[in-house]
């Protein structure tokens, strides 16, 4: 119902369904409460950041709904508390209060290895263009979910977490926060090296965020091949262990498969 909402406390106590005369009244109250919650969350972030090093600051955190797949394939939702802090993306069942709570998160992912995507936003027709330009979103019609303000975070091996928030303004903040957090972590990291096999040999594969891709022998350190990001023309994977990269040779202009 567009003219009703429910408020849940951290201990599970509920106000019950609060119903208003109009959808506008409900929306006004929801925005006011969201602003209050966000202001208090910001205060907690500032307090937490006083005890954190510059490279481990909290960029953003807040409540979302996570979509869970039920046994009967029906879509279930559960409240989660997300945080972007330092090099990591955290998923909690309850907000972190102490320093120890941060290592007790349900899930922790490295920000260099996640992909944020806005899925869709249900709006009136006259608002769609403005929102599309502001958020840069692409509506997905293949999702059965009918909730508004949805986004996902792909975390590797084809696995994704699907979330939704109550307001479009919250969705915009999450998008900008993920962009900032990932950008800062990429700058700090510089490069990442992975063990891999290529043509039957055990090698090291390095992604240097400034220079590009390098594959070298793990024992001799001899470079087997190196390409810039501008030379990458395509990529694919099997969702498990194999990655295929298509590079354009600058001399021959031919595509090389690695």
Foldseek 3Di string as FASTA:
>chain_A
DLQWDKDADPVGDIPPIDGDPDSVVSVVVVVVVVVVVQVVQVVVQVVVQVPDDPQWGWLDKDKWWWWDQDPVRDTDIAIWIWTQTRQWTFIANGDDDDPVVVVVTPDIAGLLQKDKAWAAADDPPVCVVVLCVLQVHDHDPPDPDPDGAKMWMHGALRDIIIIHDDDPVVSSSVVVSSVVSSVSNLVVVQKDKDWDDDPRAIWIWMQGVVAGIWIAHPPPRHTPDTDGPVQWDDKDAPSPHDIWTWGQDPPVRDIDID
